[in-house]
Amino acid sequence: MIRNNSFSLEIIPYFFIFARKKQKKIITMKVNEKHLEFIQGVISRHNSNSFVIKGWTITLTTAVFALTSTIDKPILCFIAIPPIIIFWFLDSVFLANERCFVSLYSCVANKNKLRVNKNKLKDEIQKELVEKSKEEKEYVIGNFSMNFIQFRDIKRNNWTSTFFSNTISWFYLSLTILTVLIFFILKNIDNGKEIVPLKIDANIKTMERIKLEPINIKSKNISLDTIVVKQIINKKTKK
């Protein structure tokens, strides 16, 4: 009995050590999941910002087209080009940051480590890796770290790459082409309008039914045209 009790006493410390290790693993898993939730929230906000920017671009471009057709000056269509380019640049910046956070998400999901092949990195980083005879670069982050700047070393995570990416370029190029088309359409419509002068036959052929009444020149209601017509009629009657 004494031996059995001593054996059980020896097992108890190992049991507590095993329980603590298991508890630590559970805690670290929960921490990583919470970290991933934070990053996913940032990615979702970047998506919504990109959607809002596209909405502003459509609204402003439509307003310029409406103003151009109202004023009847087709050249004003090109006012929409600078805002389109500005919103295009802002959208590309948001998309680049979003891709950086996606890389951060992948790093956290892979136990806070991420290895990237040198061919996917910038030229400067590639040269450094070649000098060190390395094929990959490893990124390591701490728990709850939101530092996404380091992932800009990846080519596709820069605005210069996202500016001409298929994700946004088709949208802004379509608006630019539409602006040029609207200009030519409005210009052709204006050229098609022929200004026809109004022809009025002002010759007085008969004076029989015209009754001349004295005109009060001092009256405010009389117009200059009435005075001119009166003078013409007086000349005709004298003849």
C-alpha atoms as a PDB file:
ATOM      1  CA  MET A   1       0.000   0.000   0.000  1.00  0.00           C
ATOM      2  CA  ILE A   2       2.825   2.333   0.787  1.00  0.00           C
ATOM      3  CA  ARG A   3       4.437   1.663  -2.604  1.00  0.00           C
ATOM      4  CA  ASN A   4       1.189   2.366  -4.449  1.00  0.00           C
ATOM      5  CA  ASN A   5       0.725   5.657  -2.659  1.00  0.00           C
ATOM      6  CA  SER A   6       4.279   6.719  -3.433  1.00  0.00           C
ATOM      7  CA  PHE A   7       3.780   5.805  -7.077  1.00  0.00           C
ATOM      8  CA  SER A   8       0.627   7.913  -7.291  1.00  0.00           C
ATOM      9  CA  LEU A   9       2.395  10.823  -5.649  1.00  0.00           C
ATOM     10  CA  GLU A  10       5.140  10.624  -8.261  1.00  0.00           C
ATOM     11  CA  ILE A  11       2.575  10.733 -11.114  1.00  0.00           C
ATOM     12  CA  ILE A  12       0.708  13.787  -9.828  1.00  0.00           C
ATOM     13  CA  PRO A  13       3.423  16.389 -10.711  1.00  0.00           C
ATOM     14  CA  TYR A  14       3.700  15.058 -14.282  1.00  0.00           C
ATOM     15  CA  PHE A  15      -0.050  15.279 -14.625  1.00  0.00           C
ATOM     16  CA  PHE A  16      -0.044  18.962 -13.649  1.00  0.00           C
ATOM     17  CA  ILE A  17       2.812  19.691 -16.062  1.00  0.00           C
ATOM     18  CA  PHE A  18       0.931  18.002 -18.913  1.00  0.00           C
ATOM     19  CA  ALA A  19      -2.267  19.916 -18.039  1.00  0.00           C
ATOM     20  CA  ARG A  20      -0.392  23.245 -18.047  1.00  0.00           C
ATOM     21  CA  LYS A  21       1.167  22.545 -21.455  1.00  0.00           C
ATOM     22  CA  LYS A  22      -2.226  21.639 -22.884  1.00  0.00           C
ATOM     23  CA  GLN A  23      -3.726  24.804 -21.408  1.00  0.00           C
ATOM     24  CA  LYS A  24      -0.947  26.903 -22.976  1.00  0.00           C
ATOM     25  CA  LYS A  25      -1.632  25.373 -26.390  1.00  0.00           C
ATOM     26  CA  ILE A  26      -5.336  26.165 -26.090  1.00  0.00           C
ATOM     27  CA  ILE A  27      -4.552  29.756 -25.063  1.00  0.00           C
ATOM     28  CA  THR A  28      -2.147  30.287 -27.970  1.00  0.00           C
ATOM     29  CA  MET A  29      -4.737  28.915 -30.419  1.00  0.00           C
ATOM     30  CA  LYS A  30      -7.339  31.340 -29.067  1.00  0.00           C
ATOM     31  CA  VAL A  31      -4.857  34.225 -29.335  1.00  0.00           C
ATOM     32  CA  ASN A  32      -4.108  33.395 -32.981  1.00  0.00           C
ATOM     33  CA  GLU A  33      -7.812  33.184 -33.820  1.00  0.00           C
ATOM     34  CA  LYS A  34      -8.442  36.584 -32.230  1.00  0.00           C
ATOM     35  CA  HIS A  35      -5.498  38.024 -34.122  1.00  0.00           C
ATOM     36  CA  LEU A  36      -6.920  36.670 -37.378  1.00  0.00           C
ATOM     37  CA  GLU A  37     -10.281  38.261 -36.565  1.00  0.00           C
ATOM     38  CA  PHE A  38      -8.610  41.659 -36.144  1.00  0.00           C
ATOM     39  CA  ILE A  39      -6.831  41.345 -39.482  1.00  0.00           C
ATOM     40  CA  GLN A  40     -10.008  40.165 -41.217  1.00  0.00           C
ATOM     41  CA  GLY A  41     -11.825  43.241 -39.910  1.00  0.00           C
ATOM     42  CA  VAL A  42      -9.194  45.535 -41.442  1.00  0.00           C
ATOM     43  CA  ILE A  43      -9.427  43.693 -44.767  1.00  0.00           C
ATOM     44  CA  SER A  44     -13.221  44.101 -44.756  1.00  0.00           C
ATOM     45  CA  ARG A  45     -12.901  47.858 -44.118  1.00  0.00           C
ATOM     46  CA  HIS A  46     -10.499  48.194 -47.046  1.00  0.00           C
ATOM     47  CA  ASN A  47     -13.026  46.422 -49.267  1.00  0.00           C
ATOM     48  CA  SER A  48     -15.794  48.796 -48.210  1.00  0.00           C
ATOM     49  CA  ASN A  49     -13.551  51.846 -48.766  1.00  0.00           C
ATOM     50  CA  SER A  50     -12.787  50.661 -52.285  1.00  0.00           C
ATOM     51  CA  PHE A  51     -16.505  50.287 -52.974  1.00  0.00           C
ATOM     52  CA  VAL A  52     -17.203  53.819 -51.664  1.00  0.00           C
ATOM     53  CA  ILE A  53     -14.459  55.306 -53.865  1.00  0.00           C
ATOM     54  CA  LYS A  54     -15.992  53.696 -56.955  1.00  0.00           C
ATOM     55  CA  GLY A  55     -19.379  55.116 -55.983  1.00  0.00           C
ATOM     56  CA  TRP A  56     -17.929  58.641 -55.644  1.00  0.00           C
ATOM     57  CA  THR A  57     -16.286  58.306 -59.052  1.00  0.00           C
ATOM     58  CA  ILE A  58     -19.537  57.305 -60.771  1.00  0.00           C
ATOM     59  CA  THR A  59     -21.484  60.102 -59.036  1.00  0.00           C
ATOM     60  CA  LEU A  60     -18.979  62.827 -59.937  1.00  0.00           C
ATOM     61  CA  THR A  61     -18.622  61.642 -63.547  1.00  0.00           C
ATOM     62  CA  THR A  62     -22.400  61.543 -64.040  1.00  0.00           C
ATOM     63  CA  ALA A  63     -22.721  65.062 -62.603  1.00  0.00           C
ATOM     64  CA  VAL A  64     -20.105  66.374 -65.052  1.00  0.00           C
ATOM     65  CA  PHE A  65     -21.908  64.739 -67.997  1.00  0.00           C
ATOM     66  CA  ALA A  66     -25.220  66.279 -66.902  1.00  0.00           C
ATOM     67  CA  LEU A  67     -23.631  69.729 -66.542  1.00  0.00           C
ATOM     68  CA  THR A  68     -22.010  69.425 -69.970  1.00  0.00           C
ATOM     69  CA  SER A  69     -25.256  68.557 -71.722  1.00  0.00           C
ATOM     70  CA  THR A  70     -27.091  71.385 -69.918  1.00  0.00           C
ATOM     71  CA  ILE A  71     -24.558  74.102 -70.737  1.00  0.00           C
ATOM     72  CA  ASP A  72     -24.182  72.665 -74.249  1.00  0.00           C
ATOM     73  CA  LYS A  73     -20.358  72.731 -74.189  1.00  0.00           C
ATOM     74  CA  PRO A  74     -18.902  69.270 -74.946  1.00  0.00           C
ATOM     75  CA  ILE A  75     -15.356  70.275 -73.975  1.00  0.00           C
ATOM     76  CA  LEU A  76     -16.446  70.326 -70.313  1.00  0.00           C
ATOM     77  CA  CYS A  77     -16.616  66.507 -70.388  1.00  0.00           C
ATOM     78  CA  PHE A  78     -12.861  66.373 -69.845  1.00  0.00           C
ATOM     79  CA  ILE A  79     -13.294  67.940 -66.393  1.00  0.00           C
ATOM     80  CA  ALA A  80     -14.134  64.402 -65.249  1.00  0.00           C
ATOM     81  CA  ILE A  81     -10.703  63.012 -66.246  1.00  0.00           C
ATOM     82  CA  PRO A  82      -8.603  64.414 -63.313  1.00  0.00           C
ATOM     83  CA  PRO A  83     -11.024  63.140 -60.600  1.00  0.00           C
ATOM     84  CA  ILE A  84     -11.104  59.716 -62.278  1.00  0.00           C
ATOM     85  CA  ILE A  85      -7.286  59.504 -62.137  1.00  0.00           C
ATOM     86  CA  ILE A  86      -7.197  60.695 -58.495  1.00  0.00           C
ATOM     87  CA  PHE A  87      -9.803  58.142 -57.378  1.00  0.00           C
ATOM     88  CA  TRP A  88      -7.978  55.498 -59.423  1.00  0.00           C
ATOM     89  CA  PHE A  89      -4.791  56.207 -57.462  1.00  0.00           C
ATOM     90  CA  LEU A  90      -6.610  56.136 -54.085  1.00  0.00           C
ATOM     91  CA  ASP A  91      -8.291  52.856 -54.953  1.00  0.00           C
ATOM     92  CA  SER A  92      -4.938  51.321 -55.925  1.00  0.00           C
ATOM     93  CA  VAL A  93      -3.432  52.401 -52.574  1.00  0.00           C
ATOM     94  CA  PHE A  94      -6.302  50.788 -50.643  1.00  0.00           C
ATOM     95  CA  LEU A  95      -5.956  47.606 -52.694  1.00  0.00           C
ATOM     96  CA  ALA A  96      -2.183  47.494 -52.055  1.00  0.00           C
ATOM     97  CA  ASN A  97      -2.720  47.860 -48.300  1.00  0.00           C
ATOM     98  CA  GLU A  98      -5.403  45.195 -48.424  1.00  0.00           C
ATOM     99  CA  ARG A  99      -2.966  42.765 -50.056  1.00  0.00           C
ATOM    100  CA  CYS A 100      -0.411  43.534 -47.349  1.00  0.00           C
ATOM    101  CA  PHE A 101      -2.953  42.611 -44.689  1.00  0.00           C
ATOM    102  CA  VAL A 102      -3.761  39.422 -46.603  1.00  0.00           C
ATOM    103  CA  SER A 103      -0.049  38.514 -46.391  1.00  0.00           C
ATOM    104  CA  LEU A 104      -0.126  39.348 -42.686  1.00  0.00           C
ATOM    105  CA  TYR A 105      -3.154  37.069 -42.306  1.00  0.00           C
ATOM    106  CA  SER A 106      -1.268  34.249 -44.018  1.00  0.00           C
ATOM    107  CA  CYS A 107       1.708  34.825 -41.724  1.00  0.00           C
ATOM    108  CA  VAL A 108      -0.424  34.613 -38.574  1.00  0.00           C
ATOM    109  CA  ALA A 109      -2.239  31.534 -39.874  1.00  0.00           C
ATOM    110  CA  ASN A 110       1.172  29.907 -40.439  1.00  0.00           C
ATOM    111  CA  LYS A 111       2.292  30.293 -36.795  1.00  0.00           C
ATOM    112  CA  ASN A 112       3.526  33.884 -37.231  1.00  0.00           C
ATOM    113  CA  LYS A 113       5.991  32.944 -39.967  1.00  0.00           C
ATOM    114  CA  LEU A 114       5.841  33.429 -43.725  1.00  0.00           C
ATOM    115  CA  ARG A 115       8.383  32.485 -46.362  1.00  0.00           C
ATOM    116  CA  VAL A 116       8.283  34.235 -49.737  1.00  0.00           C
ATOM    117  CA  ASN A 117      10.245  33.242 -52.819  1.00  0.00           C
ATOM    118  CA  LYS A 118      12.695  35.863 -54.047  1.00  0.00           C
ATOM    119  CA  ASN A 119      11.030  36.023 -57.489  1.00  0.00           C
ATOM    120  CA  LYS A 120       7.918  37.523 -55.850  1.00  0.00           C
ATOM    121  CA  LEU A 121       9.884  40.266 -54.091  1.00  0.00           C
ATOM    122  CA  LYS A 122      11.155  43.666 -55.211  1.00  0.00           C
ATOM    123  CA  ASP A 123      14.365  43.927 -57.196  1.00  0.00           C
ATOM    124  CA  GLU A 124      16.283  45.454 -54.273  1.00  0.00           C
ATOM    125  CA  ILE A 125      15.288  42.589 -51.980  1.00  0.00           C
ATOM    126  CA  GLN A 126      16.198  40.068 -54.674  1.00  0.00           C
ATOM    127  CA  LYS A 127      19.720  41.519 -54.915  1.00  0.00           C
ATOM    128  CA  GLU A 128      20.152  41.241 -51.146  1.00  0.00           C
ATOM    129  CA  LEU A 129      19.031  37.621 -51.187  1.00  0.00           C
ATOM    130  CA  VAL A 130      21.343  36.806 -54.091  1.00  0.00           C
ATOM    131  CA  GLU A 131      24.289  38.275 -52.172  1.00  0.00           C
ATOM    132  CA  LYS A 132      23.362  36.121 -49.177  1.00  0.00           C
ATOM    133  CA  SER A 133      22.750  33.085 -51.414  1.00  0.00           C
ATOM    134  CA  LYS A 134      19.156  32.712 -50.256  1.00  0.00           C
ATOM    135  CA  GLU A 135      16.121  31.709 -52.289  1.00  0.00           C
ATOM    136  CA  GLU A 136      13.490  32.868 -49.808  1.00  0.00           C
ATOM    137  CA  LYS A 137      12.887  35.597 -47.283  1.00  0.00           C
ATOM    138  CA  GLU A 138      11.259  34.746 -43.990  1.00  0.00           C
ATOM    139  CA  TYR A 139       8.924  37.179 -42.240  1.00  0.00           C
ATOM    140  CA  VAL A 140       8.329  36.789 -38.507  1.00  0.00           C
ATOM    141  CA  ILE A 141       5.797  38.773 -36.497  1.00  0.00           C
ATOM    142  CA  GLY A 142       4.781  38.902 -32.842  1.00  0.00           C
ATOM    143  CA  ASN A 143       1.409  38.140 -31.300  1.00  0.00           C
ATOM    144  CA  PHE A 144      -1.265  40.729 -32.144  1.00  0.00           C
ATOM    145  CA  SER A 145       1.146  42.601 -34.405  1.00  0.00           C
ATOM    146  CA  MET A 146      -0.575  44.664 -37.109  1.00  0.00           C
ATOM    147  CA  ASN A 147       2.614  45.751 -38.852  1.00  0.00           C
ATOM    148  CA  PHE A 148       1.828  45.335 -42.549  1.00  0.00           C
ATOM    149  CA  ILE A 149       4.540  47.671 -43.889  1.00  0.00           C
ATOM    150  CA  GLN A 150       7.164  44.922 -44.097  1.00  0.00           C
ATOM    151  CA  PHE A 151       5.000  43.000 -46.568  1.00  0.00           C
ATOM    152  CA  ARG A 152       5.365  45.802 -49.116  1.00  0.00           C
ATOM    153  CA  ASP A 153       8.565  44.038 -50.114  1.00  0.00           C
ATOM    154  CA  ILE A 154       6.288  41.760 -52.167  1.00  0.00           C
ATOM    155  CA  LYS A 155       5.761  43.077 -55.700  1.00  0.00           C
ATOM    156  CA  ARG A 156       2.001  42.603 -55.879  1.00  0.00           C
ATOM    157  CA  ASN A 157       1.504  44.482 -52.599  1.00  0.00           C
ATOM    158  CA  ASN A 158       2.496  47.897 -54.032  1.00  0.00           C
ATOM    159  CA  TRP A 159       0.250  50.540 -55.586  1.00  0.00           C
ATOM    160  CA  THR A 160       2.382  50.552 -58.749  1.00  0.00           C
ATOM    161  CA  SER A 161       1.292  46.954 -59.279  1.00  0.00           C
ATOM    162  CA  THR A 162      -2.338  47.388 -58.239  1.00  0.00           C
ATOM    163  CA  PHE A 163      -2.795  50.552 -60.355  1.00  0.00           C
ATOM    164  CA  PHE A 164      -2.782  48.476 -63.543  1.00  0.00           C
ATOM    165  CA  SER A 165      -4.251  45.312 -62.039  1.00  0.00           C
ATOM    166  CA  ASN A 166      -7.352  43.774 -63.584  1.00  0.00           C
ATOM    167  CA  THR A 167      -9.209  44.306 -60.318  1.00  0.00           C
ATOM    168  CA  ILE A 168      -9.617  48.072 -60.743  1.00  0.00           C
ATOM    169  CA  SER A 169      -8.078  49.124 -64.075  1.00  0.00           C
ATOM    170  CA  TRP A 170     -11.065  47.953 -66.147  1.00  0.00           C
ATOM    171  CA  PHE A 171     -13.423  50.152 -64.105  1.00  0.00           C
ATOM    172  CA  TYR A 172     -11.511  53.431 -64.405  1.00  0.00           C
ATOM    173  CA  LEU A 173     -10.444  52.830 -68.001  1.00  0.00           C
ATOM    174  CA  SER A 174     -14.106  52.278 -68.909  1.00  0.00           C
ATOM    175  CA  LEU A 175     -15.053  55.621 -67.351  1.00  0.00           C
ATOM    176  CA  THR A 176     -12.217  57.367 -69.197  1.00  0.00           C
ATOM    177  CA  ILE A 177     -13.275  55.885 -72.542  1.00  0.00           C
ATOM    178  CA  LEU A 178     -16.908  56.757 -71.804  1.00  0.00           C
ATOM    179  CA  THR A 179     -15.909  60.377 -71.163  1.00  0.00           C
ATOM    180  CA  VAL A 180     -14.242  60.620 -74.577  1.00  0.00           C
ATOM    181  CA  LEU A 181     -17.259  59.012 -76.280  1.00  0.00           C
ATOM    182  CA  ILE A 182     -19.674  61.434 -74.589  1.00  0.00           C
ATOM    183  CA  PHE A 183     -17.536  64.338 -75.817  1.00  0.00           C
ATOM    184  CA  PHE A 184     -17.699  63.216 -79.460  1.00  0.00           C
ATOM    185  CA  ILE A 185     -21.429  62.425 -79.238  1.00  0.00           C
ATOM    186  CA  LEU A 186     -22.294  65.864 -77.849  1.00  0.00           C
ATOM    187  CA  LYS A 187     -19.996  67.538 -80.340  1.00  0.00           C
ATOM    188  CA  ASN A 188     -21.687  65.815 -83.303  1.00  0.00           C
ATOM    189  CA  ILE A 189     -25.110  66.724 -81.964  1.00  0.00           C
ATOM    190  CA  ASP A 190     -24.112  70.404 -81.778  1.00  0.00           C
ATOM    191  CA  ASN A 191     -22.670  70.368 -85.301  1.00  0.00           C
ATOM    192  CA  GLY A 192     -25.868  68.818 -86.645  1.00  0.00           C
ATOM    193  CA  LYS A 193     -27.948  71.786 -85.539  1.00  0.00           C
ATOM    194  CA  GLU A 194     -28.383  74.315 -88.372  1.00  0.00           C
ATOM    195  CA  ILE A 195     -29.070  77.887 -87.339  1.00  0.00           C
ATOM    196  CA  VAL A 196     -31.740  79.146 -89.728  1.00  0.00           C
ATOM    197  CA  PRO A 197     -32.256  82.926 -89.699  1.00  0.00           C
ATOM    198  CA  LEU A 198     -35.800  84.132 -89.160  1.00  0.00           C
ATOM    199  CA  LYS A 199     -37.181  85.761 -92.299  1.00  0.00           C
ATOM    200  CA  ILE A 200     -39.920  88.372 -91.892  1.00  0.00           C
ATOM    201  CA  ASP A 201     -41.621  90.155 -94.758  1.00  0.00           C
ATOM    202  CA  ALA A 202     -41.919  93.711 -93.462  1.00  0.00           C
ATOM    203  CA  ASN A 203     -43.147  95.287 -96.724  1.00  0.00           C
ATOM    204  CA  ILE A 204     -46.475  97.081 -96.316  1.00  0.00           C
ATOM    205  CA  LYS A 205     -48.473  96.510 -99.491  1.00  0.00           C
ATOM    206  CA  THR A 206     -51.708  98.297 -98.633  1.00  0.00           C
ATOM    207  CA  MET A 207     -52.592 101.158 -96.379  1.00  0.00           C
ATOM    208  CA  GLU A 208     -56.364 101.011 -96.662  1.00  0.00           C
ATOM    209  CA  ARG A 209     -57.181  99.169 -93.420  1.00  0.00           C
ATOM    210  CA  ILE A 210     -54.429 100.665 -91.279  1.00  0.00           C
ATOM    211  CA  LYS A 211     -55.720 103.257 -88.845  1.00  0.00           C
ATOM    212  CA  LEU A 212     -53.033 105.495 -87.511  1.00  0.00           C
ATOM    213  CA  GLU A 213     -53.460 106.615 -83.953  1.00  0.00           C
ATOM    214  CA  PRO A 214     -51.246 109.070 -82.171  1.00  0.00           C
ATOM    215  CA  ILE A 215     -48.463 107.449 -80.192  1.00  0.00           C
ATOM    216  CA  ASN A 216     -47.432 108.832 -76.864  1.00  0.00           C
ATOM    217  CA  ILE A 217     -43.652 108.822 -77.032  1.00  0.00           C
ATOM    218  CA  LYS A 218     -43.364 109.509 -73.298  1.00  0.00           C
ATOM    219  CA  SER A 219     -45.269 106.384 -72.363  1.00  0.00           C
ATOM    220  CA  LYS A 220     -43.242 103.685 -70.565  1.00  0.00           C
ATOM    221  CA  ASN A 221     -45.141 100.857 -72.276  1.00  0.00           C
ATOM    222  CA  ILE A 222     -44.078 101.801 -75.787  1.00  0.00           C
ATOM    223  CA  SER A 223     -41.095 100.033 -77.330  1.00  0.00           C
ATOM    224  CA  LEU A 224     -38.509 101.180 -79.821  1.00  0.00           C
ATOM    225  CA  ASP A 225     -39.901  98.783 -82.455  1.00  0.00           C
ATOM    226  CA  THR A 226     -43.285 100.514 -82.270  1.00  0.00           C
ATOM    227  CA  ILE A 227     -41.679 103.894 -82.945  1.00  0.00           C
ATOM    228  CA  VAL A 228     -39.775 102.505 -85.940  1.00  0.00           C
ATOM    229  CA  VAL A 229     -42.948 100.973 -87.401  1.00  0.00           C
ATOM    230  CA  LYS A 230     -44.738 104.296 -86.899  1.00  0.00           C
ATOM    231  CA  GLN A 231     -42.011 106.126 -88.818  1.00  0.00           C
ATOM    232  CA  ILE A 232     -42.186 103.613 -91.708  1.00  0.00           C
ATOM    233  CA  ILE A 233     -45.962 103.973 -91.934  1.00  0.00           C
ATOM    234  CA  ASN A 234     -45.712 107.769 -91.933  1.00  0.00           C
ATOM    235  CA  LYS A 235     -43.234 107.637 -94.846  1.00  0.00           C
ATOM    236  CA  LYS A 236     -45.566 105.351 -96.824  1.00  0.00           C
ATOM    237  CA  THR A 237     -48.590 107.588 -96.286  1.00  0.00           C
ATOM    238  CA  LYS A 238     -46.680 110.685 -97.385  1.00  0.00           C
ATOM    239  CA  LYS A 239     -45.821 108.980-100.672  1.00  0.00           C
END
